[in-house]
Amino acid sequence: MNNDLISEDYKDFIGKIKNKIRNSQYEAMKVVNQTLISLYW
């Protein structure tokens, strides 16, 4: 796909989705780590 054909709004939209996914993965990782620590503590 040619980058010239992708609008800035679409790039921003995709960027926001990627950030939400990353943030959700990070939050899930924190919960899992907290649970594992409490399990083994």
PDB file of N, CA and C in Angstrom:
ATOM      1  N   MET A   1       0.843  -1.169   0.000  1.00  0.00           N
ATOM      2  CA  MET A   1       0.000   0.000   0.000  1.00  0.00           C
ATOM      3  C   MET A   1       0.892   1.236   0.000  1.00  0.00           C
ATOM      4  N   ASN A   2       0.544   2.186  -0.792  1.00  0.00           N
ATOM      5  CA  ASN A   2       1.327   3.400  -0.911  1.00  0.00           C
ATOM      6  C   ASN A   2       1.027   4.328   0.261  1.00  0.00           C
ATOM      7  N   ASN A   3       2.058   4.804   0.952  1.00  0.00           N
ATOM      8  CA  ASN A   3       1.867   5.673   2.111  1.00  0.00           C
ATOM      9  C   ASN A   3       1.226   6.996   1.746  1.00  0.00           C
ATOM     10  N   ASP A   4       1.368   7.442   0.489  1.00  0.00           N
ATOM     11  CA  ASP A   4       0.761   8.697   0.067  1.00  0.00           C
ATOM     12  C   ASP A   4      -0.761   8.602   0.050  1.00  0.00           C
ATOM     13  N   LEU A   5      -1.302   7.411  -0.067  1.00  0.00           N
ATOM     14  CA  LEU A   5      -2.745   7.227  -0.150  1.00  0.00           C
ATOM     15  C   LEU A   5      -3.409   7.129   1.222  1.00  0.00           C
ATOM     16  N   ILE A   6      -2.627   7.026   2.280  1.00  0.00           N
ATOM     17  CA  ILE A   6      -3.168   6.893   3.631  1.00  0.00           C
ATOM     18  C   ILE A   6      -3.284   8.284   4.249  1.00  0.00           C
ATOM     19  N   SER A   7      -4.481   8.640   4.679  1.00  0.00           N
ATOM     20  CA  SER A   7      -4.688   9.968   5.257  1.00  0.00           C
ATOM     21  C   SER A   7      -4.095  10.039   6.669  1.00  0.00           C
ATOM     22  N   GLU A   8      -3.848  11.258   7.100  1.00  0.00           N
ATOM     23  CA  GLU A   8      -3.309  11.469   8.452  1.00  0.00           C
ATOM     24  C   GLU A   8      -4.320  11.034   9.510  1.00  0.00           C
ATOM     25  N   ASP A   9      -5.603  11.245   9.251  1.00  0.00           N
ATOM     26  CA  ASP A   9      -6.631  10.816  10.207  1.00  0.00           C
ATOM     27  C   ASP A   9      -6.597   9.305  10.402  1.00  0.00           C
ATOM     28  N   TYR A  10      -6.411   8.578   9.322  1.00  0.00           N
ATOM     29  CA  TYR A  10      -6.346   7.118   9.410  1.00  0.00           C
ATOM     30  C   TYR A  10      -5.105   6.691  10.183  1.00  0.00           C
ATOM     31  N   LYS A  11      -3.979   7.355   9.933  1.00  0.00           N
ATOM     32  CA  LYS A  11      -2.748   7.033  10.664  1.00  0.00           C
ATOM     33  C   LYS A  11      -2.929   7.300  12.153  1.00  0.00           C
ATOM     34  N   ASP A  12      -3.582   8.419  12.497  1.00  0.00           N
ATOM     35  CA  ASP A  12      -3.845   8.722  13.903  1.00  0.00           C
ATOM     36  C   ASP A  12      -4.762   7.676  14.528  1.00  0.00           C
ATOM     37  N   PHE A  13      -5.793   7.276  13.778  1.00  0.00           N
ATOM     38  CA  PHE A  13      -6.736   6.271  14.250  1.00  0.00           C
ATOM     39  C   PHE A  13      -6.026   4.952  14.548  1.00  0.00           C
ATOM     40  N   ILE A  14      -5.205   4.502  13.624  1.00  0.00           N
ATOM     41  CA  ILE A  14      -4.454   3.254  13.813  1.00  0.00           C
ATOM     42  C   ILE A  14      -3.481   3.388  14.982  1.00  0.00           C
ATOM     43  N   GLY A  15      -2.836   4.537  15.096  1.00  0.00           N
ATOM     44  CA  GLY A  15      -1.913   4.769  16.206  1.00  0.00           C
ATOM     45  C   GLY A  15      -2.614   4.694  17.551  1.00  0.00           C
ATOM     46  N   LYS A  16      -3.817   5.262  17.630  1.00  0.00           N
ATOM     47  CA  LYS A  16      -4.575   5.215  18.882  1.00  0.00           C
ATOM     48  C   LYS A  16      -4.978   3.786  19.227  1.00  0.00           C
ATOM     49  N   ILE A  17      -5.377   3.026  18.220  1.00  0.00           N
ATOM     50  CA  ILE A  17      -5.735   1.622  18.457  1.00  0.00           C
ATOM     51  C   ILE A  17      -4.524   0.844  18.961  1.00  0.00           C
ATOM     52  N   LYS A  18      -3.359   1.068  18.338  1.00  0.00           N
ATOM     53  CA  LYS A  18      -2.142   0.375  18.775  1.00  0.00           C
ATOM     54  C   LYS A  18      -1.802   0.734  20.213  1.00  0.00           C
ATOM     55  N   ASN A  19      -1.949   2.011  20.572  1.00  0.00           N
ATOM     56  CA  ASN A  19      -1.672   2.431  21.945  1.00  0.00           C
ATOM     57  C   ASN A  19      -2.631   1.780  22.930  1.00  0.00           C
ATOM     58  N   LYS A  20      -3.908   1.696  22.572  1.00  0.00           N
ATOM     59  CA  LYS A  20      -4.877   1.056  23.464  1.00  0.00           C
ATOM     60  C   LYS A  20      -4.547  -0.420  23.658  1.00  0.00           C
ATOM     61  N   ILE A  21      -4.143  -1.086  22.590  1.00  0.00           N
ATOM     62  CA  ILE A  21      -3.769  -2.503  22.689  1.00  0.00           C
ATOM     63  C   ILE A  21      -2.552  -2.660  23.590  1.00  0.00           C
ATOM     64  N   ARG A  22      -1.525  -1.818  23.374  1.00  0.00           N
ATOM     65  CA  ARG A  22      -0.317  -1.884  24.200  1.00  0.00           C
ATOM     66  C   ARG A  22      -0.633  -1.620  25.667  1.00  0.00           C
ATOM     67  N   ASN A  23      -1.454  -0.606  25.925  1.00  0.00           N
ATOM     68  CA  ASN A  23      -1.814  -0.287  27.305  1.00  0.00           C
ATOM     69  C   ASN A  23      -2.593  -1.425  27.951  1.00  0.00           C
ATOM     70  N   SER A  24      -3.487  -2.037  27.200  1.00  0.00           N
ATOM     71  CA  SER A  24      -4.258  -3.166  27.730  1.00  0.00           C
ATOM     72  C   SER A  24      -3.356  -4.356  28.027  1.00  0.00           C
ATOM     73  N   GLN A  25      -2.402  -4.616  27.149  1.00  0.00           N
ATOM     74  CA  GLN A  25      -1.456  -5.706  27.382  1.00  0.00           C
ATOM     75  C   GLN A  25      -0.619  -5.428  28.629  1.00  0.00           C
ATOM     76  N   TYR A  26      -0.205  -4.183  28.810  1.00  0.00           N
ATOM     77  CA  TYR A  26       0.595  -3.812  29.974  1.00  0.00           C
ATOM     78  C   TYR A  26      -0.217  -3.978  31.258  1.00  0.00           C
ATOM     79  N   GLU A  27      -1.479  -3.528  31.232  1.00  0.00           N
ATOM     80  CA  GLU A  27      -2.325  -3.669  32.414  1.00  0.00           C
ATOM     81  C   GLU A  27      -2.565  -5.141  32.740  1.00  0.00           C
ATOM     82  N   ALA A  28      -2.785  -5.958  31.728  1.00  0.00           N
ATOM     83  CA  ALA A  28      -2.977  -7.395  31.952  1.00  0.00           C
ATOM     84  C   ALA A  28      -1.717  -8.019  32.539  1.00  0.00           C
ATOM     85  N   MET A  29      -0.554  -7.609  32.042  1.00  0.00           N
ATOM     86  CA  MET A  29       0.709  -8.130  32.552  1.00  0.00           C
ATOM     87  C   MET A  29       0.880  -7.772  34.028  1.00  0.00           C
ATOM     88  N   LYS A  30       0.508  -6.550  34.403  1.00  0.00           N
ATOM     89  CA  LYS A  30       0.630  -6.143  35.801  1.00  0.00           C
ATOM     90  C   LYS A  30      -0.264  -6.985  36.705  1.00  0.00           C
ATOM     91  N   VAL A  31      -1.484  -7.265  36.254  1.00  0.00           N
ATOM     92  CA  VAL A  31      -2.407  -8.076  37.056  1.00  0.00           C
ATOM     93  C   VAL A  31      -1.872  -9.495  37.212  1.00  0.00           C
ATOM     94  N   VAL A  32      -1.365 -10.062  36.131  1.00  0.00           N
ATOM     95  CA  VAL A  32      -0.812 -11.419  36.191  1.00  0.00           C
ATOM     96  C   VAL A  32       0.386 -11.453  37.129  1.00  0.00           C
ATOM     97  N   ASN A  33       1.274 -10.482  37.012  1.00  0.00           N
ATOM     98  CA  ASN A  33       2.448 -10.449  37.888  1.00  0.00           C
ATOM     99  C   ASN A  33       2.040 -10.311  39.346  1.00  0.00           C
ATOM    100  N   GLN A  34       1.069  -9.448  39.619  1.00  0.00           N
ATOM    101  CA  GLN A  34       0.608  -9.262  40.991  1.00  0.00           C
ATOM    102  C   GLN A  34       0.010 -10.560  41.536  1.00  0.00           C
ATOM    103  N   THR A  35      -0.751 -11.250  40.710  1.00  0.00           N
ATOM    104  CA  THR A  35      -1.355 -12.516  41.123  1.00  0.00           C
ATOM    105  C   THR A  35      -0.292 -13.576  41.382  1.00  0.00           C
ATOM    106  N   LEU A  36       0.691 -13.663  40.513  1.00  0.00           N
ATOM    107  CA  LEU A  36       1.761 -14.643  40.711  1.00  0.00           C
ATOM    108  C   LEU A  36       2.567 -14.345  41.968  1.00  0.00           C
ATOM    109  N   ILE A  37       2.836 -13.076  42.217  1.00  0.00           N
ATOM    110  CA  ILE A  37       3.587 -12.712  43.424  1.00  0.00           C
ATOM    111  C   ILE A  37       2.795 -13.103  44.667  1.00  0.00           C
ATOM    112  N   SER A  38       1.494 -12.805  44.671  1.00  0.00           N
ATOM    113  CA  SER A  38       0.692 -13.161  45.849  1.00  0.00           C
ATOM    114  C   SER A  38       0.556 -14.675  45.992  1.00  0.00           C
ATOM    115  N   LEU A  39       0.567 -15.396  44.881  1.00  0.00           N
ATOM    116  CA  LEU A  39       0.477 -16.851  44.929  1.00  0.00           C
ATOM    117  C   LEU A  39       1.726 -17.452  45.566  1.00  0.00           C
ATOM    118  N   TYR A  40       2.889 -16.967  45.174  1.00  0.00           N
ATOM    119  CA  TYR A  40       4.145 -17.544  45.652  1.00  0.00           C
ATOM    120  C   TYR A  40       4.651 -16.903  46.933  1.00  0.00           C
ATOM    121  N   TRP A  41       4.054 -15.820  47.385  1.00  0.00           N
ATOM    122  CA  TRP A  41       4.514 -15.142  48.591  1.00  0.00           C
ATOM    123  C   TRP A  41       3.959 -15.805  49.765  1.00  0.00           C
TER     124      TRP A  41
END
